[in-house]
Amino acid sequence: MAESLYLRHDLPEARRLLEDCRDTIESIDGWFDVYATAYEVLVRCHQAAGDVEQTLATLARTAQLARERQFKRLTLLTSAWRVEQLVLAGHVKDARNEARAAGLAAIAEQRGRSGFCWRIRLAATLAIARLSMASGASAHALGLLDT
């Protein structure tokens, strides 16, 4: 429901819904896509509101949950979202370090069908493209996005 509200650009209601049920989401044994969708919508709502502090706090909480539950794909997604946020906040060096540590460039450069890892590949590509743009490599960013 929160994703539908987000797509309708009802960000305050999407955010409220996710924050109200966050404890439930985190306490159940759910599918990766449930976590990925819920946290991405929450991160994007905080970003749209310009709330860097809350965005980073949500990313930290998501990364902690991913580590605790050993969700490698959620860990990679969280790193990609963090790279984007760091670039948006002007911390390009930190974003570059995060991207390097998570191996996001290699994921973004993959070619061919992405299969069930499409969400990670998309997030990594967007993060590396944003990082490339911030680093003055707009042709590289455009090449990634075009592919």
N, C-alpha and C. Protein backbone atom coordinates (compact mmCIF):
# COMPACT_ATOMS: atom_id res chain seq x y z
N MET A 1 0.82 -1.19 0.00
CA MET A 1 0.00 0.00 0.00
C MET A 1 0.87 1.26 0.00
N ALA A 2 1.93 1.24 0.78
CA ALA A 2 2.82 2.40 0.84
C ALA A 2 3.46 2.66 -0.51
N GLU A 3 3.81 1.62 -1.22
CA GLU A 3 4.41 1.82 -2.55
C GLU A 3 3.39 2.46 -3.48
N SER A 4 2.16 2.03 -3.42
CA SER A 4 1.11 2.62 -4.26
C SER A 4 0.92 4.10 -3.91
N LEU A 5 0.91 4.41 -2.64
CA LEU A 5 0.80 5.81 -2.22
C LEU A 5 1.99 6.63 -2.71
N TYR A 6 3.18 6.06 -2.62
CA TYR A 6 4.39 6.73 -3.09
C TYR A 6 4.29 7.01 -4.59
N LEU A 7 3.86 6.02 -5.35
CA LEU A 7 3.75 6.18 -6.80
C LEU A 7 2.69 7.21 -7.17
N ARG A 8 1.71 7.39 -6.31
CA ARG A 8 0.69 8.43 -6.52
C ARG A 8 1.17 9.78 -5.98
N HIS A 9 2.38 9.81 -5.51
CA HIS A 9 3.04 11.00 -4.95
C HIS A 9 2.38 11.49 -3.66
N ASP A 10 1.78 10.55 -2.92
CA ASP A 10 1.26 10.86 -1.59
C ASP A 10 2.34 10.45 -0.58
N LEU A 11 3.44 11.18 -0.61
CA LEU A 11 4.61 10.82 0.19
C LEU A 11 4.35 10.88 1.70
N PRO A 12 3.67 11.88 2.20
CA PRO A 12 3.42 11.89 3.66
C PRO A 12 2.65 10.67 4.14
N GLU A 13 1.64 10.26 3.38
CA GLU A 13 0.85 9.10 3.80
C GLU A 13 1.65 7.81 3.65
N ALA A 14 2.44 7.69 2.59
CA ALA A 14 3.30 6.51 2.41
C ALA A 14 4.29 6.41 3.57
N ARG A 15 4.89 7.51 3.90
CA ARG A 15 5.86 7.55 4.99
C ARG A 15 5.20 7.19 6.32
N ARG A 16 4.03 7.77 6.58
CA ARG A 16 3.32 7.49 7.84
C ARG A 16 2.97 6.02 7.95
N LEU A 17 2.48 5.46 6.86
CA LEU A 17 2.10 4.05 6.87
C LEU A 17 3.30 3.16 7.17
N LEU A 18 4.42 3.42 6.54
CA LEU A 18 5.62 2.60 6.77
C LEU A 18 6.18 2.80 8.18
N GLU A 19 6.17 4.02 8.65
CA GLU A 19 6.68 4.25 10.00
C GLU A 19 5.77 3.62 11.05
N ASP A 20 4.47 3.63 10.80
CA ASP A 20 3.53 3.00 11.73
C ASP A 20 3.69 1.49 11.81
N CYS A 21 4.07 0.87 10.71
CA CYS A 21 4.17 -0.60 10.71
C CYS A 21 5.62 -1.09 10.62
N ARG A 22 6.58 -0.21 10.87
CA ARG A 22 7.99 -0.60 10.76
C ARG A 22 8.34 -1.75 11.70
N ASP A 23 7.89 -1.69 12.94
CA ASP A 23 8.20 -2.76 13.89
C ASP A 23 7.65 -4.10 13.41
N THR A 24 6.46 -4.07 12.84
CA THR A 24 5.87 -5.30 12.31
C THR A 24 6.69 -5.82 11.14
N ILE A 25 7.05 -4.93 10.23
CA ILE A 25 7.85 -5.33 9.07
C ILE A 25 9.16 -5.96 9.52
N GLU A 26 9.77 -5.36 10.52
CA GLU A 26 11.08 -5.84 10.97
C GLU A 26 11.00 -7.10 11.82
N SER A 27 9.84 -7.41 12.36
CA SER A 27 9.75 -8.57 13.25
C SER A 27 9.25 -9.83 12.55
N ILE A 28 8.73 -9.70 11.35
CA ILE A 28 8.23 -10.88 10.63
C ILE A 28 9.32 -11.45 9.73
N ASP A 29 9.15 -12.69 9.38
CA ASP A 29 10.06 -13.32 8.45
C ASP A 29 9.47 -13.14 7.06
N GLY A 30 9.96 -12.13 6.36
CA GLY A 30 9.38 -11.79 5.07
C GLY A 30 10.29 -12.05 3.90
N TRP A 31 9.75 -11.81 2.73
CA TRP A 31 10.50 -11.96 1.50
C TRP A 31 11.36 -10.74 1.28
N PHE A 32 12.43 -10.95 0.55
CA PHE A 32 13.34 -9.86 0.22
C PHE A 32 12.60 -8.69 -0.41
N ASP A 33 11.70 -8.96 -1.35
CA ASP A 33 11.00 -7.88 -2.05
C ASP A 33 10.15 -7.03 -1.13
N VAL A 34 9.62 -7.61 -0.06
CA VAL A 34 8.84 -6.83 0.90
C VAL A 34 9.75 -5.83 1.59
N TYR A 35 10.89 -6.30 2.06
CA TYR A 35 11.85 -5.40 2.72
C TYR A 35 12.39 -4.36 1.74
N ALA A 36 12.77 -4.80 0.56
CA ALA A 36 13.35 -3.90 -0.42
C ALA A 36 12.38 -2.78 -0.79
N THR A 37 11.15 -3.15 -1.03
CA THR A 37 10.14 -2.15 -1.41
C THR A 37 9.85 -1.20 -0.26
N ALA A 38 9.63 -1.74 0.92
CA ALA A 38 9.30 -0.91 2.07
C ALA A 38 10.41 0.08 2.38
N TYR A 39 11.64 -0.40 2.42
CA TYR A 39 12.74 0.50 2.76
C TYR A 39 13.07 1.48 1.65
N GLU A 40 12.93 1.06 0.42
CA GLU A 40 13.18 2.02 -0.66
C GLU A 40 12.16 3.15 -0.64
N VAL A 41 10.91 2.82 -0.45
CA VAL A 41 9.88 3.86 -0.39
C VAL A 41 10.16 4.79 0.78
N LEU A 42 10.52 4.25 1.93
CA LEU A 42 10.80 5.09 3.09
C LEU A 42 12.01 5.99 2.84
N VAL A 43 13.07 5.43 2.27
CA VAL A 43 14.27 6.22 1.95
C VAL A 43 13.92 7.33 0.96
N ARG A 44 13.18 6.99 -0.09
CA ARG A 44 12.82 7.98 -1.11
C ARG A 44 11.92 9.08 -0.54
N CYS A 45 11.03 8.72 0.38
CA CYS A 45 10.19 9.74 1.02
C CYS A 45 11.03 10.71 1.84
N HIS A 46 11.99 10.19 2.59
CA HIS A 46 12.88 11.06 3.38
C HIS A 46 13.72 11.93 2.45
N GLN A 47 14.21 11.35 1.36
CA GLN A 47 15.00 12.13 0.40
C GLN A 47 14.16 13.26 -0.20
N ALA A 48 12.94 12.94 -0.60
CA ALA A 48 12.07 13.94 -1.21
C ALA A 48 11.77 15.09 -0.24
N ALA A 49 11.73 14.77 1.04
CA ALA A 49 11.49 15.79 2.05
C ALA A 49 12.76 16.57 2.39
N GLY A 50 13.89 16.15 1.81
CA GLY A 50 15.16 16.81 2.09
C GLY A 50 15.71 16.51 3.47
N ASP A 51 15.27 15.43 4.05
CA ASP A 51 15.65 15.06 5.42
C ASP A 51 16.84 14.10 5.38
N VAL A 52 18.02 14.67 5.23
CA VAL A 52 19.24 13.87 5.12
C VAL A 52 19.47 13.03 6.37
N GLU A 53 19.27 13.62 7.52
CA GLU A 53 19.50 12.91 8.78
C GLU A 53 18.59 11.67 8.89
N GLN A 54 17.32 11.84 8.58
CA GLN A 54 16.38 10.72 8.66
C GLN A 54 16.67 9.68 7.58
N THR A 55 17.10 10.14 6.42
CA THR A 55 17.46 9.21 5.34
C THR A 55 18.62 8.34 5.78
N LEU A 56 19.66 8.95 6.32
CA LEU A 56 20.83 8.19 6.77
C LEU A 56 20.48 7.27 7.93
N ALA A 57 19.60 7.72 8.82
CA ALA A 57 19.18 6.87 9.94
C ALA A 57 18.41 5.65 9.44
N THR A 58 17.55 5.85 8.45
CA THR A 58 16.80 4.74 7.87
C THR A 58 17.74 3.77 7.17
N LEU A 59 18.72 4.30 6.47
CA LEU A 59 19.70 3.45 5.79
C LEU A 59 20.51 2.64 6.81
N ALA A 60 20.89 3.27 7.91
CA ALA A 60 21.64 2.56 8.95
C ALA A 60 20.79 1.45 9.56
N ARG A 61 19.54 1.72 9.81
CA ARG A 61 18.64 0.71 10.38
C ARG A 61 18.42 -0.43 9.39
N THR A 62 18.28 -0.10 8.14
CA THR A 62 18.10 -1.13 7.10
C THR A 62 19.35 -1.99 6.99
N ALA A 63 20.52 -1.37 7.01
CA ALA A 63 21.77 -2.13 6.94
C ALA A 63 21.92 -3.06 8.13
N GLN A 64 21.52 -2.58 9.31
CA GLN A 64 21.59 -3.40 10.52
C GLN A 64 20.68 -4.62 10.39
N LEU A 65 19.45 -4.40 9.93
CA LEU A 65 18.52 -5.51 9.74
C LEU A 65 19.07 -6.51 8.73
N ALA A 66 19.63 -6.00 7.65
CA ALA A 66 20.19 -6.86 6.61
C ALA A 66 21.33 -7.71 7.16
N ARG A 67 22.19 -7.10 7.98
CA ARG A 67 23.29 -7.86 8.59
C ARG A 67 22.77 -8.92 9.55
N GLU A 68 21.84 -8.51 10.41
CA GLU A 68 21.30 -9.44 11.41
C GLU A 68 20.63 -10.65 10.76
N ARG A 69 19.93 -10.42 9.68
CA ARG A 69 19.21 -11.50 9.01
C ARG A 69 19.99 -12.12 7.87
N GLN A 70 21.19 -11.62 7.67
CA GLN A 70 22.09 -12.13 6.62
C GLN A 70 21.44 -12.06 5.24
N PHE A 71 20.83 -10.89 4.95
CA PHE A 71 20.22 -10.64 3.66
C PHE A 71 21.24 -9.91 2.79
N LYS A 72 22.01 -10.66 2.04
CA LYS A 72 23.06 -10.07 1.22
C LYS A 72 22.49 -9.08 0.19
N ARG A 73 21.37 -9.44 -0.43
CA ARG A 73 20.80 -8.55 -1.45
C ARG A 73 20.32 -7.24 -0.83
N LEU A 74 19.74 -7.29 0.36
CA LEU A 74 19.32 -6.06 1.02
C LEU A 74 20.52 -5.22 1.44
N THR A 75 21.60 -5.88 1.81
CA THR A 75 22.84 -5.16 2.14
C THR A 75 23.35 -4.40 0.92
N LEU A 76 23.35 -5.05 -0.24
CA LEU A 76 23.80 -4.39 -1.47
C LEU A 76 22.89 -3.23 -1.84
N LEU A 77 21.59 -3.43 -1.73
CA LEU A 77 20.65 -2.35 -2.03
C LEU A 77 20.88 -1.16 -1.11
N THR A 78 21.05 -1.44 0.15
CA THR A 78 21.27 -0.37 1.12
C THR A 78 22.54 0.40 0.80
N SER A 79 23.58 -0.29 0.39
CA SER A 79 24.82 0.39 0.00
C SER A 79 24.59 1.29 -1.20
N ALA A 80 23.84 0.80 -2.18
CA ALA A 80 23.56 1.62 -3.36
C ALA A 80 22.76 2.87 -2.98
N TRP A 81 21.74 2.69 -2.15
CA TRP A 81 20.95 3.85 -1.72
C TRP A 81 21.80 4.82 -0.91
N ARG A 82 22.71 4.28 -0.12
CA ARG A 82 23.59 5.15 0.68
C ARG A 82 24.54 5.93 -0.21
N VAL A 83 25.06 5.30 -1.25
CA VAL A 83 25.92 6.01 -2.20
C VAL A 83 25.15 7.18 -2.81
N GLU A 84 23.94 6.93 -3.24
CA GLU A 84 23.12 8.02 -3.79
C GLU A 84 22.96 9.15 -2.79
N GLN A 85 22.61 8.81 -1.56
CA GLN A 85 22.39 9.83 -0.54
C GLN A 85 23.67 10.61 -0.24
N LEU A 86 24.78 9.92 -0.16
CA LEU A 86 26.05 10.61 0.10
C LEU A 86 26.38 11.58 -1.04
N VAL A 87 26.14 11.17 -2.27
CA VAL A 87 26.39 12.07 -3.40
C VAL A 87 25.46 13.28 -3.30
N LEU A 88 24.18 13.04 -3.04
CA LEU A 88 23.22 14.14 -2.91
C LEU A 88 23.62 15.11 -1.80
N ALA A 89 24.24 14.59 -0.75
CA ALA A 89 24.66 15.42 0.38
C ALA A 89 26.02 16.07 0.14
N GLY A 90 26.64 15.78 -1.02
CA GLY A 90 27.92 16.38 -1.35
C GLY A 90 29.13 15.65 -0.80
N HIS A 91 28.96 14.43 -0.33
CA HIS A 91 30.05 13.64 0.23
C HIS A 91 30.53 12.62 -0.80
N VAL A 92 31.09 13.12 -1.89
CA VAL A 92 31.45 12.27 -3.02
C VAL A 92 32.54 11.28 -2.65
N LYS A 93 33.52 11.70 -1.86
CA LYS A 93 34.60 10.79 -1.47
C LYS A 93 34.04 9.63 -0.64
N ASP A 94 33.17 9.92 0.31
CA ASP A 94 32.55 8.86 1.12
C ASP A 94 31.70 7.94 0.24
N ALA A 95 30.99 8.53 -0.72
CA ALA A 95 30.18 7.73 -1.64
C ALA A 95 31.06 6.80 -2.46
N ARG A 96 32.18 7.31 -2.93
CA ARG A 96 33.11 6.49 -3.71
C ARG A 96 33.64 5.32 -2.87
N ASN A 97 33.97 5.59 -1.61
CA ASN A 97 34.46 4.53 -0.72
C ASN A 97 33.38 3.47 -0.47
N GLU A 98 32.15 3.92 -0.24
CA GLU A 98 31.03 3.00 -0.03
C GLU A 98 30.80 2.13 -1.27
N ALA A 99 30.82 2.77 -2.43
CA ALA A 99 30.60 2.03 -3.69
C ALA A 99 31.69 1.00 -3.91
N ARG A 100 32.92 1.38 -3.62
CA ARG A 100 34.05 0.46 -3.79
C ARG A 100 33.93 -0.72 -2.84
N ALA A 101 33.62 -0.44 -1.58
CA ALA A 101 33.51 -1.51 -0.57
C ALA A 101 32.41 -2.51 -0.91
N ALA A 102 31.32 -2.03 -1.50
CA ALA A 102 30.19 -2.92 -1.83
C ALA A 102 30.33 -3.57 -3.21
N GLY A 103 31.31 -3.12 -4.00
CA GLY A 103 31.47 -3.68 -5.34
C GLY A 103 30.37 -3.25 -6.31
N LEU A 104 29.83 -2.07 -6.11
CA LEU A 104 28.71 -1.61 -6.91
C LEU A 104 29.06 -1.36 -8.37
N ALA A 105 30.29 -0.91 -8.63
CA ALA A 105 30.67 -0.65 -10.02
C ALA A 105 30.62 -1.92 -10.86
N ALA A 106 31.10 -3.02 -10.30
CA ALA A 106 31.06 -4.29 -11.03
C ALA A 106 29.63 -4.73 -11.31
N ILE A 107 28.75 -4.50 -10.36
CA ILE A 107 27.34 -4.86 -10.55
C ILE A 107 26.73 -3.99 -11.65
N ALA A 108 27.04 -2.69 -11.61
CA ALA A 108 26.49 -1.76 -12.59
C ALA A 108 27.00 -2.03 -14.00
N GLU A 109 28.19 -2.57 -14.10
CA GLU A 109 28.80 -2.83 -15.41
C GLU A 109 28.37 -4.17 -16.02
N GLN A 110 27.66 -4.99 -15.27
CA GLN A 110 27.22 -6.29 -15.79
C GLN A 110 26.33 -6.10 -17.00
N ARG A 111 26.43 -7.02 -17.93
CA ARG A 111 25.60 -6.99 -19.13
C ARG A 111 24.78 -8.28 -19.20
N GLY A 112 23.76 -8.27 -20.02
CA GLY A 112 22.92 -9.44 -20.15
C GLY A 112 21.75 -9.38 -19.19
N ARG A 113 20.98 -10.42 -19.20
CA ARG A 113 19.80 -10.49 -18.34
C ARG A 113 20.20 -10.49 -16.88
N SER A 114 19.46 -9.76 -16.08
CA SER A 114 19.80 -9.66 -14.66
C SER A 114 19.07 -10.68 -13.79
N GLY A 115 18.06 -11.32 -14.32
CA GLY A 115 17.35 -12.34 -13.54
C GLY A 115 16.74 -11.77 -12.27
N PHE A 116 16.80 -12.55 -11.21
CA PHE A 116 16.17 -12.13 -9.97
C PHE A 116 16.92 -11.01 -9.26
N CYS A 117 18.10 -10.65 -9.73
CA CYS A 117 18.87 -9.57 -9.10
C CYS A 117 18.65 -8.22 -9.79
N TRP A 118 17.57 -8.11 -10.55
CA TRP A 118 17.32 -6.88 -11.30
C TRP A 118 17.29 -5.65 -10.39
N ARG A 119 16.71 -5.77 -9.22
CA ARG A 119 16.58 -4.61 -8.33
C ARG A 119 17.94 -4.12 -7.85
N ILE A 120 18.83 -5.04 -7.57
CA ILE A 120 20.18 -4.67 -7.12
C ILE A 120 20.94 -4.03 -8.27
N ARG A 121 20.82 -4.61 -9.44
CA ARG A 121 21.52 -4.07 -10.60
C ARG A 121 21.03 -2.67 -10.95
N LEU A 122 19.73 -2.46 -10.87
CA LEU A 122 19.18 -1.12 -11.11
C LEU A 122 19.70 -0.13 -10.09
N ALA A 123 19.63 -0.48 -8.82
CA ALA A 123 20.09 0.43 -7.76
C ALA A 123 21.58 0.73 -7.89
N ALA A 124 22.37 -0.29 -8.19
CA ALA A 124 23.81 -0.08 -8.35
C ALA A 124 24.10 0.82 -9.55
N THR A 125 23.37 0.60 -10.64
CA THR A 125 23.57 1.42 -11.83
C THR A 125 23.21 2.88 -11.56
N LEU A 126 22.09 3.11 -10.91
CA LEU A 126 21.70 4.48 -10.58
C LEU A 126 22.70 5.15 -9.64
N ALA A 127 23.17 4.40 -8.66
CA ALA A 127 24.13 4.95 -7.70
C ALA A 127 25.46 5.28 -8.38
N ILE A 128 25.96 4.36 -9.19
CA ILE A 128 27.25 4.61 -9.87
C ILE A 128 27.10 5.73 -10.90
N ALA A 129 25.97 5.80 -11.57
CA ALA A 129 25.74 6.89 -12.52
C ALA A 129 25.71 8.23 -11.80
N ARG A 130 25.04 8.29 -10.67
CA ARG A 130 24.99 9.54 -9.90
C ARG A 130 26.39 9.92 -9.40
N LEU A 131 27.14 8.92 -8.95
CA LEU A 131 28.51 9.15 -8.50
C LEU A 131 29.39 9.62 -9.66
N SER A 132 29.21 9.01 -10.82
CA SER A 132 29.98 9.41 -12.00
C SER A 132 29.68 10.85 -12.39
N MET A 133 28.41 11.21 -12.37
CA MET A 133 28.03 12.59 -12.69
C MET A 133 28.68 13.57 -11.71
N ALA A 134 28.65 13.23 -10.44
CA ALA A 134 29.24 14.11 -9.42
C ALA A 134 30.74 14.20 -9.54
N SER A 135 31.35 13.19 -10.17
CA SER A 135 32.81 13.16 -10.33
C SER A 135 33.24 13.73 -11.68
N GLY A 136 32.29 14.22 -12.47
CA GLY A 136 32.61 14.82 -13.75
C GLY A 136 32.69 13.84 -14.91
N ALA A 137 32.25 12.62 -14.69
CA ALA A 137 32.30 11.59 -15.74
C ALA A 137 30.90 11.37 -16.31
N SER A 138 30.34 12.42 -16.89
CA SER A 138 28.96 12.34 -17.38
C SER A 138 28.80 11.34 -18.52
N ALA A 139 29.81 11.18 -19.36
CA ALA A 139 29.72 10.22 -20.47
C ALA A 139 29.61 8.80 -19.92
N HIS A 140 30.36 8.51 -18.88
CA HIS A 140 30.29 7.19 -18.25
C HIS A 140 28.90 6.98 -17.66
N ALA A 141 28.38 7.98 -16.97
CA ALA A 141 27.05 7.89 -16.38
C ALA A 141 26.00 7.65 -17.45
N LEU A 142 26.09 8.39 -18.53
CA LEU A 142 25.12 8.23 -19.61
C LEU A 142 25.21 6.84 -20.24
N GLY A 143 26.42 6.33 -20.40
CA GLY A 143 26.60 4.98 -20.93
C GLY A 143 25.96 3.93 -20.04
N LEU A 144 26.13 4.06 -18.74
CA LEU A 144 25.50 3.12 -17.81
C LEU A 144 23.98 3.19 -17.90
N LEU A 145 23.47 4.39 -17.87
CA LEU A 145 22.02 4.57 -17.88
C LEU A 145 21.40 4.14 -19.21
N ASP A 146 22.11 4.38 -20.28
CA ASP A 146 21.62 4.00 -21.59
C ASP A 146 21.52 2.48 -21.71
N THR A 147 22.52 1.78 -21.17
CA THR A 147 22.50 0.33 -21.21
C THR A 147 21.41 -0.22 -20.35
